[in-house]
């Protein structure tokens, strides 16, 4: 399950995975961001707050996750990973080869720094 909030004032989508990711999570995310992207063309950023990566509920959930990334990554300028998990560093370097967005890892507790980085348009 992913809790999410779209901050339209700053054009930031906040994601907080709470348990194993489900197919329906990505349907809900698309319903939230697609109309906004349709109106504005892009998101300034995506901030993912996750103490650990919760995994996927099923193979279908993993496929839905990858489809969501494929369909949306060109519309997101920056991705901030806010986590103390070792996967944060791995994801920052690995994902940069597959997505158009600039990616940066922040330690847990650095949510405000992540937000400031996303909002810095340079």
PDB file of N, CA and C in Angstrom:
ATOM      1  N   UNK A   1       0.839  -1.178   0.000  1.00  0.00           N
ATOM      2  CA  UNK A   1       0.000   0.000   0.000  1.00  0.00           C
ATOM      3  C   UNK A   1       0.888   1.247   0.000  1.00  0.00           C
ATOM      4  N   UNK A   2       0.510   2.215  -0.816  1.00  0.00           N
ATOM      5  CA  UNK A   2       1.239   3.476  -0.906  1.00  0.00           C
ATOM      6  C   UNK A   2       0.292   4.617  -0.540  1.00  0.00           C
ATOM      7  N   UNK A   3       0.672   5.370   0.490  1.00  0.00           N
ATOM      8  CA  UNK A   3      -0.024   6.620   0.763  1.00  0.00           C
ATOM      9  C   UNK A   3       0.599   7.662  -0.160  1.00  0.00           C
ATOM     10  N   UNK A   4      -0.230   8.532  -0.720  1.00  0.00           N
ATOM     11  CA  UNK A   4       0.317   9.559  -1.603  1.00  0.00           C
ATOM     12  C   UNK A   4      -0.434  10.874  -1.455  1.00  0.00           C
ATOM     13  N   UNK A   5       0.295  11.951  -1.725  1.00  0.00           N
ATOM     14  CA  UNK A   5      -0.250  13.301  -1.672  1.00  0.00           C
ATOM     15  C   UNK A   5       0.338  14.083  -2.832  1.00  0.00           C
ATOM     16  N   UNK A   6      -0.508  14.796  -3.551  1.00  0.00           N
ATOM     17  CA  UNK A   6      -0.048  15.657  -4.635  1.00  0.00           C
ATOM     18  C   UNK A   6      -0.110  17.100  -4.154  1.00  0.00           C
ATOM     19  N   UNK A   7       1.051  17.713  -4.032  1.00  0.00           N
ATOM     20  CA  UNK A   7       1.171  19.114  -3.650  1.00  0.00           C
ATOM     21  C   UNK A   7       1.184  19.921  -4.950  1.00  0.00           C
ATOM     22  N   UNK A   8       0.019  20.398  -5.357  1.00  0.00           N
ATOM     23  CA  UNK A   8      -0.079  21.115  -6.630  1.00  0.00           C
ATOM     24  C   UNK A   8       0.575  22.489  -6.564  1.00  0.00           C
ATOM     25  N   UNK A   9       0.678  23.077  -5.376  1.00  0.00           N
ATOM     26  CA  UNK A   9       1.318  24.390  -5.243  1.00  0.00           C
ATOM     27  C   UNK A   9       2.803  24.321  -5.605  1.00  0.00           C
ATOM     28  N   UNK A  10       3.436  23.174  -5.309  1.00  0.00           N
ATOM     29  CA  UNK A  10       4.866  23.004  -5.592  1.00  0.00           C
ATOM     30  C   UNK A  10       5.135  21.952  -6.665  1.00  0.00           C
ATOM     31  N   UNK A  11       4.070  21.346  -7.181  1.00  0.00           N
ATOM     32  CA  UNK A  11       4.188  20.338  -8.229  1.00  0.00           C
ATOM     33  C   UNK A  11       5.026  19.135  -7.792  1.00  0.00           C
ATOM     34  N   UNK A  12       4.729  18.647  -6.573  1.00  0.00           N
ATOM     35  CA  UNK A  12       5.465  17.512  -6.007  1.00  0.00           C
ATOM     36  C   UNK A  12       4.483  16.415  -5.610  1.00  0.00           C
ATOM     37  N   UNK A  13       4.797  15.192  -6.013  1.00  0.00           N
ATOM     38  CA  UNK A  13       4.045  14.028  -5.585  1.00  0.00           C
ATOM     39  C   UNK A  13       4.830  13.355  -4.471  1.00  0.00           C
ATOM     40  N   UNK A  14       4.204  13.200  -3.305  1.00  0.00           N
ATOM     41  CA  UNK A  14       4.820  12.524  -2.162  1.00  0.00           C
ATOM     42  C   UNK A  14       4.287  11.097  -2.088  1.00  0.00           C
ATOM     43  N   UNK A  15       5.198  10.145  -1.984  1.00  0.00           N
ATOM     44  CA  UNK A  15       4.819   8.727  -1.845  1.00  0.00           C
ATOM     45  C   UNK A  15       5.376   8.188  -0.542  1.00  0.00           C
ATOM     46  N   UNK A  16       4.531   7.452   0.196  1.00  0.00           N
ATOM     47  CA  UNK A  16       4.949   6.827   1.436  1.00  0.00           C
ATOM     48  C   UNK A  16       4.486   5.369   1.421  1.00  0.00           C
ATOM     49  N   UNK A  17       5.340   4.459   0.951  1.00  0.00           N
ATOM     50  CA  UNK A  17       4.969   3.042   0.962  1.00  0.00           C
ATOM     51  C   UNK A  17       4.798   2.562   2.401  1.00  0.00           C
ATOM     52  N   UNK A  18       3.681   1.892   2.676  1.00  0.00           N
ATOM     53  CA  UNK A  18       3.382   1.429   4.037  1.00  0.00           C
ATOM     54  C   UNK A  18       3.448  -0.085   4.169  1.00  0.00           C
ATOM     55  N   UNK A  19       3.218  -0.771   3.061  1.00  0.00           N
ATOM     56  CA  UNK A  19       3.275  -2.235   3.055  1.00  0.00           C
ATOM     57  C   UNK A  19       3.543  -2.663   1.617  1.00  0.00           C
ATOM     58  N   UNK A  20       3.578  -3.965   1.374  1.00  0.00           N
ATOM     59  CA  UNK A  20       3.868  -4.482   0.034  1.00  0.00           C
ATOM     60  C   UNK A  20       3.038  -3.740  -1.018  1.00  0.00           C
ATOM     61  N   UNK A  21       3.701  -3.341  -2.095  1.00  0.00           N
ATOM     62  CA  UNK A  21       3.047  -2.582  -3.155  1.00  0.00           C
ATOM     63  C   UNK A  21       2.059  -3.456  -3.907  1.00  0.00           C
ATOM     64  N   UNK A  22       0.894  -2.888  -4.211  1.00  0.00           N
ATOM     65  CA  UNK A  22      -0.187  -3.603  -4.880  1.00  0.00           C
ATOM     66  C   UNK A  22      -0.456  -2.985  -6.246  1.00  0.00           C
ATOM     67  N   UNK A  23      -1.036  -3.769  -7.146  1.00  0.00           N
ATOM     68  CA  UNK A  23      -1.394  -3.250  -8.469  1.00  0.00           C
ATOM     69  C   UNK A  23      -2.277  -2.010  -8.346  1.00  0.00           C
ATOM     70  N   UNK A  24      -3.232  -2.053  -7.426  1.00  0.00           N
ATOM     71  CA  UNK A  24      -4.177  -0.943  -7.275  1.00  0.00           C
ATOM     72  C   UNK A  24      -3.484   0.349  -6.848  1.00  0.00           C
ATOM     73  N   UNK A  25      -2.327   0.251  -6.191  1.00  0.00           N
ATOM     74  CA  UNK A  25      -1.583   1.458  -5.814  1.00  0.00           C
ATOM     75  C   UNK A  25      -1.245   2.285  -7.046  1.00  0.00           C
ATOM     76  N   UNK A  26      -0.837   1.621  -8.100  1.00  0.00           N
ATOM     77  CA  UNK A  26      -0.391   2.326  -9.300  1.00  0.00           C
ATOM     78  C   UNK A  26      -1.563   2.846 -10.120  1.00  0.00           C
ATOM     79  N   UNK A  27      -2.711   2.180 -10.026  1.00  0.00           N
ATOM     80  CA  UNK A  27      -3.937   2.690 -10.646  1.00  0.00           C
ATOM     81  C   UNK A  27      -4.324   3.995  -9.961  1.00  0.00           C
ATOM     82  N   UNK A  28      -4.286   3.998  -8.627  1.00  0.00           N
ATOM     83  CA  UNK A  28      -4.638   5.202  -7.871  1.00  0.00           C
ATOM     84  C   UNK A  28      -3.646   6.338  -8.131  1.00  0.00           C
ATOM     85  N   UNK A  29      -2.358   6.015  -8.179  1.00  0.00           N
ATOM     86  CA  UNK A  29      -1.356   7.042  -8.473  1.00  0.00           C
ATOM     87  C   UNK A  29      -1.607   7.676  -9.834  1.00  0.00           C
ATOM     88  N   UNK A  30      -1.889   6.846 -10.828  1.00  0.00           N
ATOM     89  CA  UNK A  30      -2.164   7.365 -12.176  1.00  0.00           C
ATOM     90  C   UNK A  30      -3.400   8.265 -12.168  1.00  0.00           C
ATOM     91  N   UNK A  31      -4.445   7.879 -11.429  1.00  0.00           N
ATOM     92  CA  UNK A  31      -5.657   8.703 -11.352  1.00  0.00           C
ATOM     93  C   UNK A  31      -5.362  10.057 -10.721  1.00  0.00           C
ATOM     94  N   UNK A  32      -4.384  10.093  -9.830  1.00  0.00           N
ATOM     95  CA  UNK A  32      -4.013  11.343  -9.175  1.00  0.00           C
ATOM     96  C   UNK A  32      -3.139  12.209 -10.074  1.00  0.00           C
ATOM     97  N   UNK A  33      -2.100  11.630 -10.663  1.00  0.00           N
ATOM     98  CA  UNK A  33      -1.116  12.450 -11.379  1.00  0.00           C
ATOM     99  C   UNK A  33      -1.423  12.672 -12.850  1.00  0.00           C
ATOM    100  N   UNK A  34      -2.104  11.756 -13.508  1.00  0.00           N
ATOM    101  CA  UNK A  34      -2.335  11.916 -14.944  1.00  0.00           C
ATOM    102  C   UNK A  34      -3.091  13.193 -15.299  1.00  0.00           C
ATOM    103  N   UNK A  35      -4.180  13.527 -14.596  1.00  0.00           N
ATOM    104  CA  UNK A  35      -4.854  14.795 -14.927  1.00  0.00           C
ATOM    105  C   UNK A  35      -3.951  16.011 -14.686  1.00  0.00           C
ATOM    106  N   UNK A  36      -3.159  15.963 -13.628  1.00  0.00           N
ATOM    107  CA  UNK A  36      -2.257  17.075 -13.330  1.00  0.00           C
ATOM    108  C   UNK A  36      -1.183  17.209 -14.414  1.00  0.00           C
ATOM    109  N   UNK A  37      -0.581  16.100 -14.798  1.00  0.00           N
ATOM    110  CA  UNK A  37       0.424  16.122 -15.863  1.00  0.00           C
ATOM    111  C   UNK A  37      -0.208  16.573 -17.177  1.00  0.00           C
ATOM    112  N   UNK A  38      -1.449  16.138 -17.416  1.00  0.00           N
ATOM    113  CA  UNK A  38      -2.150  16.571 -18.624  1.00  0.00           C
ATOM    114  C   UNK A  38      -2.329  18.078 -18.683  1.00  0.00           C
ATOM    115  N   UNK A  39      -2.551  18.708 -17.534  1.00  0.00           N
ATOM    116  CA  UNK A  39      -2.740  20.155 -17.464  1.00  0.00           C
ATOM    117  C   UNK A  39      -1.424  20.923 -17.498  1.00  0.00           C
ATOM    118  N   UNK A  40      -0.413  20.404 -16.782  1.00  0.00           N
ATOM    119  CA  UNK A  40       0.828  21.175 -16.588  1.00  0.00           C
ATOM    120  C   UNK A  40       2.003  20.653 -17.408  1.00  0.00           C
ATOM    121  N   UNK A  41       1.916  19.422 -17.862  1.00  0.00           N
ATOM    122  CA  UNK A  41       2.999  18.834 -18.646  1.00  0.00           C
ATOM    123  C   UNK A  41       3.992  18.023 -17.848  1.00  0.00           C
ATOM    124  N   UNK A  42       4.134  18.323 -16.541  1.00  0.00           N
ATOM    125  CA  UNK A  42       5.108  17.578 -15.749  1.00  0.00           C
ATOM    126  C   UNK A  42       4.947  17.853 -14.264  1.00  0.00           C
ATOM    127  N   UNK A  43       5.662  17.066 -13.487  1.00  0.00           N
ATOM    128  CA  UNK A  43       5.823  17.290 -12.057  1.00  0.00           C
ATOM    129  C   UNK A  43       7.230  17.823 -11.824  1.00  0.00           C
ATOM    130  N   UNK A  44       7.366  18.752 -10.898  1.00  0.00           N
ATOM    131  CA  UNK A  44       8.707  19.212 -10.523  1.00  0.00           C
ATOM    132  C   UNK A  44       9.462  18.060  -9.868  1.00  0.00           C
ATOM    133  N   UNK A  45       8.726  17.244  -9.118  1.00  0.00           N
ATOM    134  CA  UNK A  45       9.414  16.144  -8.464  1.00  0.00           C
ATOM    135  C   UNK A  45       8.510  15.140  -7.805  1.00  0.00           C
ATOM    136  N   UNK A  46       9.159  14.061  -7.443  1.00  0.00           N
ATOM    137  CA  UNK A  46       8.560  12.946  -6.733  1.00  0.00           C
ATOM    138  C   UNK A  46       9.435  12.722  -5.510  1.00  0.00           C
ATOM    139  N   UNK A  47       8.819  12.706  -4.327  1.00  0.00           N
ATOM    140  CA  UNK A  47       9.560  12.440  -3.101  1.00  0.00           C
ATOM    141  C   UNK A  47       9.026  11.149  -2.504  1.00  0.00           C
ATOM    142  N   UNK A  48       9.915  10.177  -2.374  1.00  0.00           N
ATOM    143  CA  UNK A  48       9.554   8.870  -1.834  1.00  0.00           C
ATOM    144  C   UNK A  48      10.144   8.758  -0.442  1.00  0.00           C
ATOM    145  N   UNK A  49       9.275   8.666   0.567  1.00  0.00           N
ATOM    146  CA  UNK A  49       9.702   8.472   1.956  1.00  0.00           C
ATOM    147  C   UNK A  49       9.486   7.009   2.307  1.00  0.00           C
ATOM    148  N   UNK A  50      10.567   6.286   2.511  1.00  0.00           N
ATOM    149  CA  UNK A  50      10.438   4.857   2.787  1.00  0.00           C
ATOM    150  C   UNK A  50      11.573   4.392   3.686  1.00  0.00           C
ATOM    151  N   UNK A  51      11.258   4.040   4.944  1.00  0.00           N
ATOM    152  CA  UNK A  51      12.314   3.512   5.815  1.00  0.00           C
ATOM    153  C   UNK A  51      12.979   2.274   5.206  1.00  0.00           C
ATOM    154  N   UNK A  52      12.169   1.439   4.567  1.00  0.00           N
ATOM    155  CA  UNK A  52      12.656   0.246   3.868  1.00  0.00           C
ATOM    156  C   UNK A  52      11.793   0.051   2.632  1.00  0.00           C
ATOM    157  N   UNK A  53      12.299  -0.722   1.681  1.00  0.00           N
ATOM    158  CA  UNK A  53      11.487  -1.052   0.515  1.00  0.00           C
ATOM    159  C   UNK A  53      10.595  -2.234   0.886  1.00  0.00           C
ATOM    160  N   UNK A  54       9.269  -2.075   0.791  1.00  0.00           N
ATOM    161  CA  UNK A  54       8.359  -3.127   1.258  1.00  0.00           C
ATOM    162  C   UNK A  54       8.152  -4.285   0.281  1.00  0.00           C
ATOM    163  N   UNK A  55       8.692  -4.197  -0.918  1.00  0.00           N
ATOM    164  CA  UNK A  55       8.493  -5.263  -1.898  1.00  0.00           C
ATOM    165  C   UNK A  55       7.139  -5.143  -2.574  1.00  0.00           C
ATOM    166  N   UNK A  56       6.808  -6.179  -3.338  1.00  0.00           N
ATOM    167  CA  UNK A  56       5.547  -6.198  -4.078  1.00  0.00           C
ATOM    168  C   UNK A  56       4.673  -7.326  -3.568  1.00  0.00           C
ATOM    169  N   UNK A  57       3.385  -7.109  -3.624  1.00  0.00           N
ATOM    170  CA  UNK A  57       2.417  -8.126  -3.199  1.00  0.00           C
ATOM    171  C   UNK A  57       2.391  -9.305  -4.171  1.00  0.00           C
ATOM    172  N   UNK A  58       2.653  -9.008  -5.459  1.00  0.00           N
ATOM    173  CA  UNK A  58       2.563 -10.048  -6.478  1.00  0.00           C
ATOM    174  C   UNK A  58       3.409  -9.662  -7.686  1.00  0.00           C
ATOM    175  N   UNK A  59       3.552 -10.594  -8.598  1.00  0.00           N
ATOM    176  CA  UNK A  59       4.242 -10.309  -9.852  1.00  0.00           C
ATOM    177  C   UNK A  59       3.485  -9.243 -10.645  1.00  0.00           C
ATOM    178  N   UNK A  60       2.164  -9.296 -10.584  1.00  0.00           N
ATOM    179  CA  UNK A  60       1.340  -8.286 -11.258  1.00  0.00           C
ATOM    180  C   UNK A  60       1.591  -6.893 -10.698  1.00  0.00           C
ATOM    181  N   UNK A  61       1.808  -6.797  -9.386  1.00  0.00           N
ATOM    182  CA  UNK A  61       2.107  -5.508  -8.757  1.00  0.00           C
ATOM    183  C   UNK A  61       3.458  -4.994  -9.226  1.00  0.00           C
ATOM    184  N   UNK A  62       4.430  -5.883  -9.349  1.00  0.00           N
ATOM    185  CA  UNK A  62       5.743  -5.481  -9.839  1.00  0.00           C
ATOM    186  C   UNK A  62       5.631  -4.973 -11.280  1.00  0.00           C
ATOM    187  N   UNK A  63       4.876  -5.680 -12.106  1.00  0.00           N
ATOM    188  CA  UNK A  63       4.684  -5.261 -13.497  1.00  0.00           C
ATOM    189  C   UNK A  63       3.968  -3.912 -13.564  1.00  0.00           C
ATOM    190  N   UNK A  64       2.968  -3.706 -12.712  1.00  0.00           N
ATOM    191  CA  UNK A  64       2.250  -2.425 -12.679  1.00  0.00           C
ATOM    192  C   UNK A  64       3.198  -1.296 -12.273  1.00  0.00           C
ATOM    193  N   UNK A  65       4.089  -1.573 -11.335  1.00  0.00           N
ATOM    194  CA  UNK A  65       5.083  -0.591 -10.896  1.00  0.00           C
ATOM    195  C   UNK A  65       5.985  -0.197 -12.064  1.00  0.00           C
ATOM    196  N   UNK A  66       6.508  -1.184 -12.767  1.00  0.00           N
ATOM    197  CA  UNK A  66       7.396  -0.904 -13.893  1.00  0.00           C
ATOM    198  C   UNK A  66       6.677  -0.163 -15.013  1.00  0.00           C
ATOM    199  N   UNK A  67       5.402  -0.511 -15.268  1.00  0.00           N
ATOM    200  CA  UNK A  67       4.613   0.204 -16.282  1.00  0.00           C
ATOM    201  C   UNK A  67       4.416   1.665 -15.871  1.00  0.00           C
ATOM    202  N   UNK A  68       4.123   1.885 -14.585  1.00  0.00           N
ATOM    203  CA  UNK A  68       3.925   3.250 -14.096  1.00  0.00           C
ATOM    204  C   UNK A  68       5.202   4.063 -14.306  1.00  0.00           C
ATOM    205  N   UNK A  69       6.345   3.499 -13.958  1.00  0.00           N
ATOM    206  CA  UNK A  69       7.621   4.196 -14.157  1.00  0.00           C
ATOM    207  C   UNK A  69       7.831   4.480 -15.636  1.00  0.00           C
ATOM    208  N   UNK A  70       7.627   3.490 -16.478  1.00  0.00           N
ATOM    209  CA  UNK A  70       7.811   3.660 -17.925  1.00  0.00           C
ATOM    210  C   UNK A  70       6.927   4.780 -18.475  1.00  0.00           C
ATOM    211  N   UNK A  71       5.688   4.834 -18.016  1.00  0.00           N
ATOM    212  CA  UNK A  71       4.728   5.792 -18.557  1.00  0.00           C
ATOM    213  C   UNK A  71       4.868   7.208 -17.997  1.00  0.00           C
ATOM    214  N   UNK A  72       5.570   7.358 -16.869  1.00  0.00           N
ATOM    215  CA  UNK A  72       5.594   8.652 -16.200  1.00  0.00           C
ATOM    216  C   UNK A  72       6.975   9.281 -16.033  1.00  0.00           C
ATOM    217  N   UNK A  73       8.046   8.534 -16.158  1.00  0.00           N
ATOM    218  CA  UNK A  73       9.368   9.072 -15.806  1.00  0.00           C
ATOM    219  C   UNK A  73       9.773  10.284 -16.628  1.00  0.00           C
ATOM    220  N   UNK A  74       9.301  10.410 -17.846  1.00  0.00           N
ATOM    221  CA  UNK A  74       9.679  11.556 -18.684  1.00  0.00           C
ATOM    222  C   UNK A  74       8.945  12.834 -18.286  1.00  0.00           C
ATOM    223  N   UNK A  75       7.983  12.704 -17.381  1.00  0.00           N
ATOM    224  CA  UNK A  75       7.192  13.853 -16.936  1.00  0.00           C
ATOM    225  C   UNK A  75       7.564  14.290 -15.527  1.00  0.00           C
ATOM    226  N   UNK A  76       8.660  13.762 -15.004  1.00  0.00           N
ATOM    227  CA  UNK A  76       9.101  14.088 -13.644  1.00  0.00           C
ATOM    228  C   UNK A  76      10.538  14.587 -13.729  1.00  0.00           C
ATOM    229  N   UNK A  77      10.791  15.795 -13.236  1.00  0.00           N
ATOM    230  CA  UNK A  77      12.131  16.389 -13.335  1.00  0.00           C
ATOM    231  C   UNK A  77      13.105  15.796 -12.319  1.00  0.00           C
ATOM    232  N   UNK A  78      12.652  15.621 -11.059  1.00  0.00           N
ATOM    233  CA  UNK A  78      13.549  15.153 -10.002  1.00  0.00           C
ATOM    234  C   UNK A  78      12.849  14.117  -9.128  1.00  0.00           C
ATOM    235  N   UNK A  79      13.641  13.155  -8.658  1.00  0.00           N
ATOM    236  CA  UNK A  79      13.137  12.143  -7.727  1.00  0.00           C
ATOM    237  C   UNK A  79      14.046  12.147  -6.507  1.00  0.00           C
ATOM    238  N   UNK A  80      13.447  12.356  -5.338  1.00  0.00           N
ATOM    239  CA  UNK A  80      14.183  12.326  -4.078  1.00  0.00           C
ATOM    240  C   UNK A  80      13.793  11.068  -3.318  1.00  0.00           C
ATOM    241  N   UNK A  81      14.787  10.276  -2.936  1.00  0.00           N
ATOM    242  CA  UNK A  81      14.573   9.078  -2.124  1.00  0.00           C
ATOM    243  C   UNK A  81      14.966   9.413  -0.698  1.00  0.00           C
ATOM    244  N   UNK A  82      14.000   9.426   0.212  1.00  0.00           N
ATOM    245  CA  UNK A  82      14.259   9.767   1.602  1.00  0.00           C
ATOM    246  C   UNK A  82      14.190   8.469   2.405  1.00  0.00           C
ATOM    247  N   UNK A  83      15.373   7.917   2.700  1.00  0.00           N
ATOM    248  CA  UNK A  83      15.436   6.624   3.380  1.00  0.00           C
ATOM    249  C   UNK A  83      16.817   6.394   3.973  1.00  0.00           C
ATOM    250  N   UNK A  84      16.869   5.605   5.019  1.00  0.00           N
ATOM    251  CA  UNK A  84      18.149   5.154   5.565  1.00  0.00           C
ATOM    252  C   UNK A  84      18.486   3.753   5.063  1.00  0.00           C
ATOM    253  N   UNK A  85      17.609   3.186   4.264  1.00  0.00           N
ATOM    254  CA  UNK A  85      17.859   1.866   3.697  1.00  0.00           C
ATOM    255  C   UNK A  85      19.045   1.916   2.747  1.00  0.00           C
ATOM    256  N   UNK A  86      19.841   0.860   2.758  1.00  0.00           N
ATOM    257  CA  UNK A  86      20.977   0.763   1.835  1.00  0.00           C
ATOM    258  C   UNK A  86      20.499   0.790   0.393  1.00  0.00           C
ATOM    259  N   UNK A  87      19.265   0.406   0.159  1.00  0.00           N
ATOM    260  CA  UNK A  87      18.718   0.435  -1.197  1.00  0.00           C
ATOM    261  C   UNK A  87      18.630   1.853  -1.749  1.00  0.00           C
ATOM    262  N   UNK A  88      18.634   2.856  -0.880  1.00  0.00           N
ATOM    263  CA  UNK A  88      18.568   4.243  -1.349  1.00  0.00           C
ATOM    264  C   UNK A  88      19.735   4.593  -2.242  1.00  0.00           C
ATOM    265  N   UNK A  89      20.949   4.231  -1.824  1.00  0.00           N
ATOM    266  CA  UNK A  89      22.132   4.510  -2.640  1.00  0.00           C
ATOM    267  C   UNK A  89      22.128   3.686  -3.914  1.00  0.00           C
ATOM    268  N   UNK A  90      21.751   2.426  -3.798  1.00  0.00           N
ATOM    269  CA  UNK A  90      21.700   1.548  -4.969  1.00  0.00           C
ATOM    270  C   UNK A  90      20.675   2.081  -5.964  1.00  0.00           C
ATOM    271  N   UNK A  91      19.497   2.419  -5.470  1.00  0.00           N
ATOM    272  CA  UNK A  91      18.436   2.919  -6.345  1.00  0.00           C
ATOM    273  C   UNK A  91      18.849   4.216  -7.028  1.00  0.00           C
ATOM    274  N   UNK A  92      19.526   5.091  -6.293  1.00  0.00           N
ATOM    275  CA  UNK A  92      19.959   6.369  -6.875  1.00  0.00           C
ATOM    276  C   UNK A  92      20.846   6.128  -8.090  1.00  0.00           C
ATOM    277  N   UNK A  93      21.776   5.205  -7.996  1.00  0.00           N
ATOM    278  CA  UNK A  93      22.712   4.959  -9.096  1.00  0.00           C
ATOM    279  C   UNK A  93      22.125   4.069 -10.186  1.00  0.00           C
ATOM    280  N   UNK A  94      21.404   3.042  -9.803  1.00  0.00           N
ATOM    281  CA  UNK A  94      20.845   2.120 -10.783  1.00  0.00           C
ATOM    282  C   UNK A  94      19.717   2.769 -11.586  1.00  0.00           C
ATOM    283  N   UNK A  95      18.781   3.404 -10.896  1.00  0.00           N
ATOM    284  CA  UNK A  95      17.622   3.981 -11.578  1.00  0.00           C
ATOM    285  C   UNK A  95      18.015   5.101 -12.530  1.00  0.00           C
ATOM    286  N   UNK A  96      19.121   5.784 -12.241  1.00  0.00           N
ATOM    287  CA  UNK A  96      19.530   6.886 -13.115  1.00  0.00           C
ATOM    288  C   UNK A  96      19.804   6.421 -14.543  1.00  0.00           C
ATOM    289  N   UNK A  97      20.023   5.138 -14.731  1.00  0.00           N
ATOM    290  CA  UNK A  97      20.255   4.600 -16.073  1.00  0.00           C
ATOM    291  C   UNK A  97      18.948   4.333 -16.828  1.00  0.00           C
ATOM    292  N   UNK A  98      17.822   4.337 -16.105  1.00  0.00           N
ATOM    293  CA  UNK A  98      16.557   3.947 -16.712  1.00  0.00           C
ATOM    294  C   UNK A  98      15.495   5.035 -16.733  1.00  0.00           C
ATOM    295  N   UNK A  99      15.703   6.106 -16.003  1.00  0.00           N
ATOM    296  CA  UNK A  99      14.688   7.158 -15.963  1.00  0.00           C
ATOM    297  C   UNK A  99      15.304   8.498 -16.351  1.00  0.00           C
ATOM    298  N   UNK A 100      14.464   9.378 -16.872  1.00  0.00           N
ATOM    299  CA  UNK A 100      14.928  10.684 -17.333  1.00  0.00           C
ATOM    300  C   UNK A 100      15.151  11.655 -16.175  1.00  0.00           C
ATOM    301  N   UNK A 101      14.504  11.435 -15.053  1.00  0.00           N
ATOM    302  CA  UNK A 101      14.592  12.355 -13.920  1.00  0.00           C
ATOM    303  C   UNK A 101      15.966  12.305 -13.260  1.00  0.00           C
ATOM    304  N   UNK A 102      16.328  13.438 -12.669  1.00  0.00           N
ATOM    305  CA  UNK A 102      17.517  13.489 -11.811  1.00  0.00           C
ATOM    306  C   UNK A 102      17.132  12.853 -10.476  1.00  0.00           C
ATOM    307  N   UNK A 103      17.986  11.994  -9.936  1.00  0.00           N
ATOM    308  CA  UNK A 103      17.667  11.249  -8.720  1.00  0.00           C
ATOM    309  C   UNK A 103      18.691  11.568  -7.647  1.00  0.00           C
ATOM    310  N   UNK A 104      18.192  11.746  -6.413  1.00  0.00           N
ATOM    311  CA  UNK A 104      19.101  12.005  -5.291  1.00  0.00           C
ATOM    312  C   UNK A 104      18.592  11.313  -4.036  1.00  0.00           C
ATOM    313  N   UNK A 105      19.513  10.750  -3.279  1.00  0.00           N
ATOM    314  CA  UNK A 105      19.207  10.051  -2.034  1.00  0.00           C
ATOM    315  C   UNK A 105      19.396  10.995  -0.851  1.00  0.00           C
ATOM    316  N   UNK A 106      18.435  11.009   0.058  1.00  0.00           N
ATOM    317  CA  UNK A 106      18.499  11.770   1.301  1.00  0.00           C
ATOM    318  C   UNK A 106      18.296  10.805   2.463  1.00  0.00           C
ATOM    319  N   UNK A 107      18.938  11.070   3.580  1.00  0.00           N
ATOM    320  CA  UNK A 107      18.746  10.252   4.778  1.00  0.00           C
ATOM    321  C   UNK A 107      17.355  10.493   5.343  1.00  0.00           C
ATOM    322  N   UNK A 108      16.830   9.498   6.059  1.00  0.00           N
ATOM    323  CA  UNK A 108      15.547   9.664   6.739  1.00  0.00           C
ATOM    324  C   UNK A 108      15.654  10.893   7.635  1.00  0.00           C
ATOM    325  N   UNK A 109      14.612  11.656   7.720  1.00  0.00           N
ATOM    326  CA  UNK A 109      14.643  12.876   8.513  1.00  0.00           C
ATOM    327  C   UNK A 109      15.025  14.099   7.691  1.00  0.00           C
ATOM    328  N   UNK A 110      15.417  13.916   6.444  1.00  0.00           N
ATOM    329  CA  UNK A 110      15.802  15.041   5.593  1.00  0.00           C
ATOM    330  C   UNK A 110      14.718  15.382   4.569  1.00  0.00           C
ATOM    331  N   UNK A 111      13.478  15.212   4.962  1.00  0.00           N
ATOM    332  CA  UNK A 111      12.361  15.486   4.058  1.00  0.00           C
ATOM    333  C   UNK A 111      12.374  16.942   3.584  1.00  0.00           C
ATOM    334  N   UNK A 112      12.611  17.869   4.486  1.00  0.00           N
ATOM    335  CA  UNK A 112      12.615  19.284   4.099  1.00  0.00           C
ATOM    336  C   UNK A 112      13.743  19.578   3.112  1.00  0.00           C
ATOM    337  N   UNK A 113      14.918  18.977   3.321  1.00  0.00           N
ATOM    338  CA  UNK A 113      16.036  19.164   2.383  1.00  0.00           C
ATOM    339  C   UNK A 113      15.678  18.595   1.015  1.00  0.00           C
ATOM    340  N   UNK A 114      14.996  17.454   1.002  1.00  0.00           N
ATOM    341  CA  UNK A 114      14.565  16.851  -0.257  1.00  0.00           C
ATOM    342  C   UNK A 114      13.582  17.768  -0.974  1.00  0.00           C
ATOM    343  N   UNK A 115      12.645  18.330  -0.227  1.00  0.00           N
ATOM    344  CA  UNK A 115      11.666  19.241  -0.821  1.00  0.00           C
ATOM    345  C   UNK A 115      12.360  20.468  -1.409  1.00  0.00           C
ATOM    346  N   UNK A 116      13.310  21.037  -0.684  1.00  0.00           N
ATOM    347  CA  UNK A 116      14.027  22.209  -1.177  1.00  0.00           C
ATOM    348  C   UNK A 116      14.810  21.873  -2.449  1.00  0.00           C
ATOM    349  N   UNK A 117      15.430  20.694  -2.481  1.00  0.00           N
ATOM    350  CA  UNK A 117      16.173  20.278  -3.667  1.00  0.00           C
ATOM    351  C   UNK A 117      15.253  20.147  -4.870  1.00  0.00           C
ATOM    352  N   UNK A 118      14.087  19.538  -4.669  1.00  0.00           N
ATOM    353  CA  UNK A 118      13.129  19.384  -5.771  1.00  0.00           C
ATOM    354  C   UNK A 118      12.661  20.759  -6.260  1.00  0.00           C
ATOM    355  N   UNK A 119      12.400  21.656  -5.332  1.00  0.00           N
ATOM    356  CA  UNK A 119      11.870  22.966  -5.719  1.00  0.00           C
ATOM    357  C   UNK A 119      12.928  23.863  -6.354  1.00  0.00           C
ATOM    358  N   UNK A 120      14.208  23.562  -6.170  1.00  0.00           N
ATOM    359  CA  UNK A 120      15.274  24.314  -6.817  1.00  0.00           C
ATOM    360  C   UNK A 120      15.270  23.937  -8.294  1.00  0.00           C
ATOM    361  N   UNK A 121      14.853  24.801  -9.136  1.00  0.00           N
ATOM    362  CA  UNK A 121      14.626  24.507 -10.562  1.00  0.00           C
ATOM    363  C   UNK A 121      15.888  24.418 -11.399  1.00  0.00           C
ATOM    364  N   UNK A 122      17.059  24.575 -10.809  1.00  0.00           N
ATOM    365  CA  UNK A 122      18.286  24.530 -11.606  1.00  0.00           C
ATOM    366  C   UNK A 122      18.747  23.132 -11.847  1.00  0.00           C
TER     367      UNK A 122
END
